[in-house]
């Protein structure tokens, strides 16, 4: 996120050539466009990798047991002080 749309885009503005000189553009497009496309593609790859290869988008096969009860799960008797 830092490099894709944040302050890291300052780096991408000139890393693949001078934005004011078409002869220096490495990919034939402005440097900032190439920078954005590269980081967008890396973001898509990261989401795919985490979701499918690391199986973070699947339901766990084993039951998850709570270590302690959540405050919303405990029934409190309102008659006692």
PDB file of N, CA and C in Angstrom:
ATOM      1  N   UNK A   1       0.832  -1.191   0.000  1.00  0.00           N
ATOM      2  CA  UNK A   1       0.000   0.000   0.000  1.00  0.00           C
ATOM      3  C   UNK A   1       0.871   1.247   0.000  1.00  0.00           C
ATOM      4  N   UNK A   2       1.944   1.204   0.754  1.00  0.00           N
ATOM      5  CA  UNK A   2       2.858   2.350   0.830  1.00  0.00           C
ATOM      6  C   UNK A   2       3.424   2.686  -0.546  1.00  0.00           C
ATOM      7  N   UNK A   3       3.843   1.663  -1.285  1.00  0.00           N
ATOM      8  CA  UNK A   3       4.462   1.903  -2.583  1.00  0.00           C
ATOM      9  C   UNK A   3       3.437   2.067  -3.694  1.00  0.00           C
ATOM     10  N   UNK A   4       2.270   1.438  -3.548  1.00  0.00           N
ATOM     11  CA  UNK A   4       1.269   1.493  -4.612  1.00  0.00           C
ATOM     12  C   UNK A   4       0.566   2.824  -4.725  1.00  0.00           C
ATOM     13  N   UNK A   5       0.081   3.366  -3.618  1.00  0.00           N
ATOM     14  CA  UNK A   5      -0.669   4.625  -3.676  1.00  0.00           C
ATOM     15  C   UNK A   5      -0.190   5.640  -2.661  1.00  0.00           C
ATOM     16  N   UNK A   6       0.711   5.274  -1.797  1.00  0.00           N
ATOM     17  CA  UNK A   6       1.154   6.168  -0.733  1.00  0.00           C
ATOM     18  C   UNK A   6       2.365   6.989  -1.127  1.00  0.00           C
ATOM     19  N   UNK A   7       3.144   7.371  -0.142  1.00  0.00           N
ATOM     20  CA  UNK A   7       4.326   8.203  -0.398  1.00  0.00           C
ATOM     21  C   UNK A   7       5.362   7.531  -1.293  1.00  0.00           C
ATOM     22  N   UNK A   8       5.292   6.224  -1.430  1.00  0.00           N
ATOM     23  CA  UNK A   8       6.235   5.522  -2.294  1.00  0.00           C
ATOM     24  C   UNK A   8       6.067   5.850  -3.762  1.00  0.00           C
ATOM     25  N   UNK A   9       4.933   6.447  -4.130  1.00  0.00           N
ATOM     26  CA  UNK A   9       4.747   6.813  -5.535  1.00  0.00           C
ATOM     27  C   UNK A   9       5.704   7.912  -5.967  1.00  0.00           C
ATOM     28  N   UNK A  10       6.260   8.641  -5.019  1.00  0.00           N
ATOM     29  CA  UNK A  10       7.270   9.651  -5.357  1.00  0.00           C
ATOM     30  C   UNK A  10       8.472   8.958  -5.996  1.00  0.00           C
ATOM     31  N   UNK A  11       8.815   7.778  -5.494  1.00  0.00           N
ATOM     32  CA  UNK A  11       9.907   6.992  -6.073  1.00  0.00           C
ATOM     33  C   UNK A  11       9.538   6.578  -7.494  1.00  0.00           C
ATOM     34  N   UNK A  12       8.287   6.139  -7.670  1.00  0.00           N
ATOM     35  CA  UNK A  12       7.847   5.653  -8.968  1.00  0.00           C
ATOM     36  C   UNK A  12       7.737   6.711 -10.034  1.00  0.00           C
ATOM     37  N   UNK A  13       7.724   7.953  -9.643  1.00  0.00           N
ATOM     38  CA  UNK A  13       7.584   9.027 -10.625  1.00  0.00           C
ATOM     39  C   UNK A  13       8.798   9.137 -11.535  1.00  0.00           C
ATOM     40  N   UNK A  14       9.976   8.777 -11.034  1.00  0.00           N
ATOM     41  CA  UNK A  14      11.187   8.925 -11.855  1.00  0.00           C
ATOM     42  C   UNK A  14      12.022   7.656 -11.962  1.00  0.00           C
ATOM     43  N   UNK A  15      11.615   6.559 -11.360  1.00  0.00           N
ATOM     44  CA  UNK A  15      12.471   5.363 -11.329  1.00  0.00           C
ATOM     45  C   UNK A  15      12.648   4.724 -12.711  1.00  0.00           C
ATOM     46  N   UNK A  16      11.644   4.802 -13.577  1.00  0.00           N
ATOM     47  CA  UNK A  16      11.740   4.200 -14.912  1.00  0.00           C
ATOM     48  C   UNK A  16      11.914   5.247 -16.006  1.00  0.00           C
ATOM     49  N   UNK A  17      12.406   6.406 -15.652  1.00  0.00           N
ATOM     50  CA  UNK A  17      12.681   7.441 -16.644  1.00  0.00           C
ATOM     51  C   UNK A  17      12.138   8.792 -16.219  1.00  0.00           C
ATOM     52  N   UNK A  18      12.624   9.806 -16.887  1.00  0.00           N
ATOM     53  CA  UNK A  18      12.190  11.170 -16.622  1.00  0.00           C
ATOM     54  C   UNK A  18      10.757  11.348 -17.129  1.00  0.00           C
ATOM     55  N   UNK A  19       9.829  11.795 -16.286  1.00  0.00           N
ATOM     56  CA  UNK A  19       8.444  11.926 -16.732  1.00  0.00           C
ATOM     57  C   UNK A  19       8.250  12.972 -17.831  1.00  0.00           C
ATOM     58  N   UNK A  20       9.180  13.884 -18.001  1.00  0.00           N
ATOM     59  CA  UNK A  20       9.054  14.933 -19.017  1.00  0.00           C
ATOM     60  C   UNK A  20       9.762  14.606 -20.326  1.00  0.00           C
ATOM     61  N   UNK A  21      10.464  13.467 -20.389  1.00  0.00           N
ATOM     62  CA  UNK A  21      11.228  13.106 -21.588  1.00  0.00           C
ATOM     63  C   UNK A  21      10.827  11.707 -22.041  1.00  0.00           C
ATOM     64  N   UNK A  22      10.045  11.625 -23.126  1.00  0.00           N
ATOM     65  CA  UNK A  22       9.549  10.328 -23.601  1.00  0.00           C
ATOM     66  C   UNK A  22      10.676   9.379 -24.006  1.00  0.00           C
ATOM     67  N   UNK A  23      11.809   9.897 -24.392  1.00  0.00           N
ATOM     68  CA  UNK A  23      12.925   9.056 -24.833  1.00  0.00           C
ATOM     69  C   UNK A  23      13.500   8.233 -23.682  1.00  0.00           C
ATOM     70  N   UNK A  24      13.290   8.650 -22.435  1.00  0.00           N
ATOM     71  CA  UNK A  24      13.860   7.933 -21.293  1.00  0.00           C
ATOM     72  C   UNK A  24      12.888   6.934 -20.664  1.00  0.00           C
ATOM     73  N   UNK A  25      11.663   6.848 -21.168  1.00  0.00           N
ATOM     74  CA  UNK A  25      10.684   5.932 -20.578  1.00  0.00           C
ATOM     75  C   UNK A  25      11.067   4.488 -20.891  1.00  0.00           C
ATOM     76  N   UNK A  26      11.313   3.696 -19.870  1.00  0.00           N
ATOM     77  CA  UNK A  26      11.771   2.316 -20.037  1.00  0.00           C
ATOM     78  C   UNK A  26      10.723   1.430 -20.705  1.00  0.00           C
ATOM     79  N   UNK A  27       9.475   1.533 -20.311  1.00  0.00           N
ATOM     80  CA  UNK A  27       8.422   0.651 -20.822  1.00  0.00           C
ATOM     81  C   UNK A  27       7.575   1.301 -21.913  1.00  0.00           C
ATOM     82  N   UNK A  28       7.942   2.487 -22.351  1.00  0.00           N
ATOM     83  CA  UNK A  28       7.172   3.179 -23.366  1.00  0.00           C
ATOM     84  C   UNK A  28       5.952   3.897 -22.813  1.00  0.00           C
ATOM     85  N   UNK A  29       5.800   3.893 -21.513  1.00  0.00           N
ATOM     86  CA  UNK A  29       4.716   4.605 -20.834  1.00  0.00           C
ATOM     87  C   UNK A  29       5.345   5.424 -19.711  1.00  0.00           C
ATOM     88  N   UNK A  30       4.634   6.426 -19.211  1.00  0.00           N
ATOM     89  CA  UNK A  30       5.214   7.204 -18.109  1.00  0.00           C
ATOM     90  C   UNK A  30       5.602   6.316 -16.926  1.00  0.00           C
ATOM     91  N   UNK A  31       6.640   6.701 -16.251  1.00  0.00           N
ATOM     92  CA  UNK A  31       7.187   5.925 -15.143  1.00  0.00           C
ATOM     93  C   UNK A  31       6.149   5.651 -14.064  1.00  0.00           C
ATOM     94  N   UNK A  32       5.329   6.633 -13.739  1.00  0.00           N
ATOM     95  CA  UNK A  32       4.341   6.456 -12.675  1.00  0.00           C
ATOM     96  C   UNK A  32       3.291   5.418 -13.064  1.00  0.00           C
ATOM     97  N   UNK A  33       2.949   5.332 -14.369  1.00  0.00           N
ATOM     98  CA  UNK A  33       2.004   4.315 -14.828  1.00  0.00           C
ATOM     99  C   UNK A  33       2.598   2.919 -14.638  1.00  0.00           C
ATOM    100  N   UNK A  34       3.851   2.758 -15.063  1.00  0.00           N
ATOM    101  CA  UNK A  34       4.515   1.460 -14.902  1.00  0.00           C
ATOM    102  C   UNK A  34       4.602   1.091 -13.432  1.00  0.00           C
ATOM    103  N   UNK A  35       4.944   2.054 -12.595  1.00  0.00           N
ATOM    104  CA  UNK A  35       5.055   1.838 -11.154  1.00  0.00           C
ATOM    105  C   UNK A  35       3.720   1.365 -10.582  1.00  0.00           C
ATOM    106  N   UNK A  36       2.631   2.032 -10.950  1.00  0.00           N
ATOM    107  CA  UNK A  36       1.304   1.670 -10.455  1.00  0.00           C
ATOM    108  C   UNK A  36       0.890   0.282 -10.946  1.00  0.00           C
ATOM    109  N   UNK A  37       1.151  -0.020 -12.202  1.00  0.00           N
ATOM    110  CA  UNK A  37       0.785  -1.330 -12.758  1.00  0.00           C
ATOM    111  C   UNK A  37       1.560  -2.442 -12.067  1.00  0.00           C
ATOM    112  N   UNK A  38       2.843  -2.237 -11.841  1.00  0.00           N
ATOM    113  CA  UNK A  38       3.664  -3.248 -11.157  1.00  0.00           C
ATOM    114  C   UNK A  38       3.133  -3.508  -9.755  1.00  0.00           C
ATOM    115  N   UNK A  39       2.867  -2.467  -8.981  1.00  0.00           N
ATOM    116  CA  UNK A  39       2.389  -2.661  -7.614  1.00  0.00           C
ATOM    117  C   UNK A  39       0.966  -3.192  -7.573  1.00  0.00           C
ATOM    118  N   UNK A  40       0.134  -2.843  -8.558  1.00  0.00           N
ATOM    119  CA  UNK A  40      -1.207  -3.407  -8.637  1.00  0.00           C
ATOM    120  C   UNK A  40      -1.104  -4.914  -8.881  1.00  0.00           C
ATOM    121  N   UNK A  41      -0.256  -5.315  -9.819  1.00  0.00           N
ATOM    122  CA  UNK A  41      -0.079  -6.738 -10.122  1.00  0.00           C
ATOM    123  C   UNK A  41       0.472  -7.489  -8.909  1.00  0.00           C
ATOM    124  N   UNK A  42       1.416  -6.894  -8.193  1.00  0.00           N
ATOM    125  CA  UNK A  42       1.940  -7.541  -6.984  1.00  0.00           C
ATOM    126  C   UNK A  42       0.854  -7.680  -5.918  1.00  0.00           C
ATOM    127  N   UNK A  43      -0.023  -6.691  -5.815  1.00  0.00           N
ATOM    128  CA  UNK A  43      -1.129  -6.767  -4.861  1.00  0.00           C
ATOM    129  C   UNK A  43      -2.109  -7.873  -5.214  1.00  0.00           C
ATOM    130  N   UNK A  44      -2.429  -8.008  -6.499  1.00  0.00           N
ATOM    131  CA  UNK A  44      -3.322  -9.082  -6.947  1.00  0.00           C
ATOM    132  C   UNK A  44      -2.679 -10.436  -6.669  1.00  0.00           C
ATOM    133  N   UNK A  45      -1.394 -10.569  -6.973  1.00  0.00           N
ATOM    134  CA  UNK A  45      -0.687 -11.818  -6.696  1.00  0.00           C
ATOM    135  C   UNK A  45      -0.691 -12.132  -5.206  1.00  0.00           C
ATOM    136  N   UNK A  46      -0.459 -11.126  -4.362  1.00  0.00           N
ATOM    137  CA  UNK A  46      -0.440 -11.346  -2.916  1.00  0.00           C
ATOM    138  C   UNK A  46      -1.797 -11.834  -2.412  1.00  0.00           C
ATOM    139  N   UNK A  47      -2.882 -11.224  -2.892  1.00  0.00           N
ATOM    140  CA  UNK A  47      -4.218 -11.650  -2.470  1.00  0.00           C
ATOM    141  C   UNK A  47      -4.501 -13.080  -2.913  1.00  0.00           C
ATOM    142  N   UNK A  48      -4.123 -13.416  -4.154  1.00  0.00           N
ATOM    143  CA  UNK A  48      -4.313 -14.776  -4.646  1.00  0.00           C
ATOM    144  C   UNK A  48      -3.500 -15.763  -3.806  1.00  0.00           C
ATOM    145  N   UNK A  49      -2.250 -15.427  -3.539  1.00  0.00           N
ATOM    146  CA  UNK A  49      -1.375 -16.311  -2.777  1.00  0.00           C
ATOM    147  C   UNK A  49      -1.913 -16.544  -1.366  1.00  0.00           C
ATOM    148  N   UNK A  50      -2.308 -15.472  -0.690  1.00  0.00           N
ATOM    149  CA  UNK A  50      -2.817 -15.620   0.673  1.00  0.00           C
ATOM    150  C   UNK A  50      -4.143 -16.370   0.703  1.00  0.00           C
ATOM    151  N   UNK A  51      -5.013 -16.099  -0.254  1.00  0.00           N
ATOM    152  CA  UNK A  51      -6.336 -16.721  -0.243  1.00  0.00           C
ATOM    153  C   UNK A  51      -6.292 -18.187  -0.644  1.00  0.00           C
ATOM    154  N   UNK A  52      -5.591 -18.518  -1.705  1.00  0.00           N
ATOM    155  CA  UNK A  52      -5.657 -19.871  -2.236  1.00  0.00           C
ATOM    156  C   UNK A  52      -4.478 -20.752  -1.838  1.00  0.00           C
ATOM    157  N   UNK A  53      -3.275 -20.255  -1.936  1.00  0.00           N
ATOM    158  CA  UNK A  53      -2.115 -21.085  -1.615  1.00  0.00           C
ATOM    159  C   UNK A  53      -1.911 -21.235  -0.110  1.00  0.00           C
ATOM    160  N   UNK A  54      -2.133 -20.164   0.644  1.00  0.00           N
ATOM    161  CA  UNK A  54      -2.000 -20.249   2.097  1.00  0.00           C
ATOM    162  C   UNK A  54      -3.318 -20.655   2.761  1.00  0.00           C
ATOM    163  N   UNK A  55      -4.383 -20.787   1.959  1.00  0.00           N
ATOM    164  CA  UNK A  55      -5.712 -21.225   2.390  1.00  0.00           C
ATOM    165  C   UNK A  55      -6.303 -20.340   3.486  1.00  0.00           C
ATOM    166  N   UNK A  56      -6.076 -19.032   3.390  1.00  0.00           N
ATOM    167  CA  UNK A  56      -6.651 -18.113   4.368  1.00  0.00           C
ATOM    168  C   UNK A  56      -8.097 -17.766   4.048  1.00  0.00           C
ATOM    169  N   UNK A  57      -8.615 -18.234   2.897  1.00  0.00           N
ATOM    170  CA  UNK A  57     -10.001 -17.970   2.540  1.00  0.00           C
ATOM    171  C   UNK A  57     -10.898 -19.176   2.807  1.00  0.00           C
ATOM    172  N   UNK A  58     -10.367 -20.197   3.467  1.00  0.00           N
ATOM    173  CA  UNK A  58     -11.146 -21.404   3.726  1.00  0.00           C
ATOM    174  C   UNK A  58     -11.504 -21.510   5.203  1.00  0.00           C
ATOM    175  N   UNK A  59     -12.544 -22.271   5.467  1.00  0.00           N
ATOM    176  CA  UNK A  59     -12.961 -22.518   6.841  1.00  0.00           C
ATOM    177  C   UNK A  59     -12.010 -23.550   7.443  1.00  0.00           C
ATOM    178  N   UNK A  60     -11.548 -23.357   8.677  1.00  0.00           N
ATOM    179  CA  UNK A  60     -10.645 -24.331   9.293  1.00  0.00           C
ATOM    180  C   UNK A  60     -11.314 -25.701   9.416  1.00  0.00           C
ATOM    181  N   UNK A  61     -10.531 -26.760   9.244  1.00  0.00           N
ATOM    182  CA  UNK A  61     -11.086 -28.110   9.313  1.00  0.00           C
ATOM    183  C   UNK A  61     -11.323 -28.559  10.750  1.00  0.00           C
ATOM    184  N   UNK A  62     -10.657 -27.949  11.712  1.00  0.00           N
ATOM    185  CA  UNK A  62     -10.850 -28.310  13.117  1.00  0.00           C
ATOM    186  C   UNK A  62     -11.646 -27.230  13.831  1.00  0.00           C
ATOM    187  N   UNK A  63     -12.351 -27.625  14.866  1.00  0.00           N
ATOM    188  CA  UNK A  63     -13.146 -26.686  15.657  1.00  0.00           C
ATOM    189  C   UNK A  63     -12.218 -25.791  16.474  1.00  0.00           C
ATOM    190  N   UNK A  64     -12.491 -24.516  16.470  1.00  0.00           N
ATOM    191  CA  UNK A  64     -11.692 -23.566  17.238  1.00  0.00           C
ATOM    192  C   UNK A  64     -12.343 -23.384  18.598  1.00  0.00           C
ATOM    193  N   UNK A  65     -11.578 -23.628  19.653  1.00  0.00           N
ATOM    194  CA  UNK A  65     -12.084 -23.524  21.020  1.00  0.00           C
ATOM    195  C   UNK A  65     -11.622 -22.204  21.612  1.00  0.00           C
ATOM    196  N   UNK A  66     -12.554 -21.457  22.198  1.00  0.00           N
ATOM    197  CA  UNK A  66     -12.211 -20.178  22.812  1.00  0.00           C
ATOM    198  C   UNK A  66     -11.431 -20.411  24.101  1.00  0.00           C
ATOM    199  N   UNK A  67     -10.372 -19.655  24.303  1.00  0.00           N
ATOM    200  CA  UNK A  67      -9.587 -19.785  25.525  1.00  0.00           C
ATOM    201  C   UNK A  67     -10.306 -19.166  26.717  1.00  0.00           C
ATOM    202  N   UNK A  68     -11.091 -18.150  26.470  1.00  0.00           N
ATOM    203  CA  UNK A  68     -11.903 -17.558  27.526  1.00  0.00           C
ATOM    204  C   UNK A  68     -13.183 -17.047  26.892  1.00  0.00           C
ATOM    205  N   UNK A  69     -14.223 -16.948  27.701  1.00  0.00           N
ATOM    206  CA  UNK A  69     -15.515 -16.519  27.189  1.00  0.00           C
ATOM    207  C   UNK A  69     -15.500 -15.029  26.880  1.00  0.00           C
ATOM    208  N   UNK A  70     -16.187 -14.671  25.830  1.00  0.00           N
ATOM    209  CA  UNK A  70     -16.326 -13.263  25.480  1.00  0.00           C
ATOM    210  C   UNK A  70     -17.356 -12.628  26.402  1.00  0.00           C
ATOM    211  N   UNK A  71     -17.202 -11.355  26.679  1.00  0.00           N
ATOM    212  CA  UNK A  71     -18.099 -10.683  27.612  1.00  0.00           C
ATOM    213  C   UNK A  71     -19.545 -10.715  27.107  1.00  0.00           C
ATOM    214  N   UNK A  72     -19.733 -10.768  25.808  1.00  0.00           N
ATOM    215  CA  UNK A  72     -21.079 -10.831  25.251  1.00  0.00           C
ATOM    216  C   UNK A  72     -21.695 -12.213  25.349  1.00  0.00           C
ATOM    217  N   UNK A  73     -20.894 -13.254  25.585  1.00  0.00           N
ATOM    218  CA  UNK A  73     -21.402 -14.620  25.661  1.00  0.00           C
ATOM    219  C   UNK A  73     -21.831 -15.019  27.061  1.00  0.00           C
ATOM    220  N   UNK A  74     -21.434 -14.268  28.061  1.00  0.00           N
ATOM    221  CA  UNK A  74     -21.728 -14.621  29.448  1.00  0.00           C
ATOM    222  C   UNK A  74     -23.075 -14.022  29.836  1.00  0.00           C
ATOM    223  N   UNK A  75     -23.940 -14.865  30.400  1.00  0.00           N
ATOM    224  CA  UNK A  75     -25.243 -14.385  30.864  1.00  0.00           C
ATOM    225  C   UNK A  75     -25.079 -13.891  32.295  1.00  0.00           C
ATOM    226  N   UNK A  76     -25.433 -12.640  32.522  1.00  0.00           N
ATOM    227  CA  UNK A  76     -25.281 -12.048  33.844  1.00  0.00           C
ATOM    228  C   UNK A  76     -26.639 -11.999  34.523  1.00  0.00           C
ATOM    229  N   UNK A  77     -26.687 -12.467  35.756  1.00  0.00           N
ATOM    230  CA  UNK A  77     -27.925 -12.432  36.531  1.00  0.00           C
ATOM    231  C   UNK A  77     -28.126 -11.001  37.029  1.00  0.00           C
ATOM    232  N   UNK A  78     -29.186 -10.368  36.595  1.00  0.00           N
ATOM    233  CA  UNK A  78     -29.422  -8.966  36.957  1.00  0.00           C
ATOM    234  C   UNK A  78     -30.033  -8.803  38.342  1.00  0.00           C
ATOM    235  N   UNK A  79     -30.502  -9.905  38.972  1.00  0.00           N
ATOM    236  CA  UNK A  79     -31.103  -9.806  40.306  1.00  0.00           C
ATOM    237  C   UNK A  79     -30.055  -9.706  41.408  1.00  0.00           C
ATOM    238  N   UNK A  80     -28.860 -10.180  41.166  1.00  0.00           N
ATOM    239  CA  UNK A  80     -27.834 -10.131  42.209  1.00  0.00           C
ATOM    240  C   UNK A  80     -26.978  -8.885  42.032  1.00  0.00           C
ATOM    241  N   UNK A  81     -26.478  -8.317  43.146  1.00  0.00           N
ATOM    242  CA  UNK A  81     -25.680  -7.087  43.059  1.00  0.00           C
ATOM    243  C   UNK A  81     -24.299  -7.314  42.513  1.00  0.00           C
TER     244      UNK A  81
END
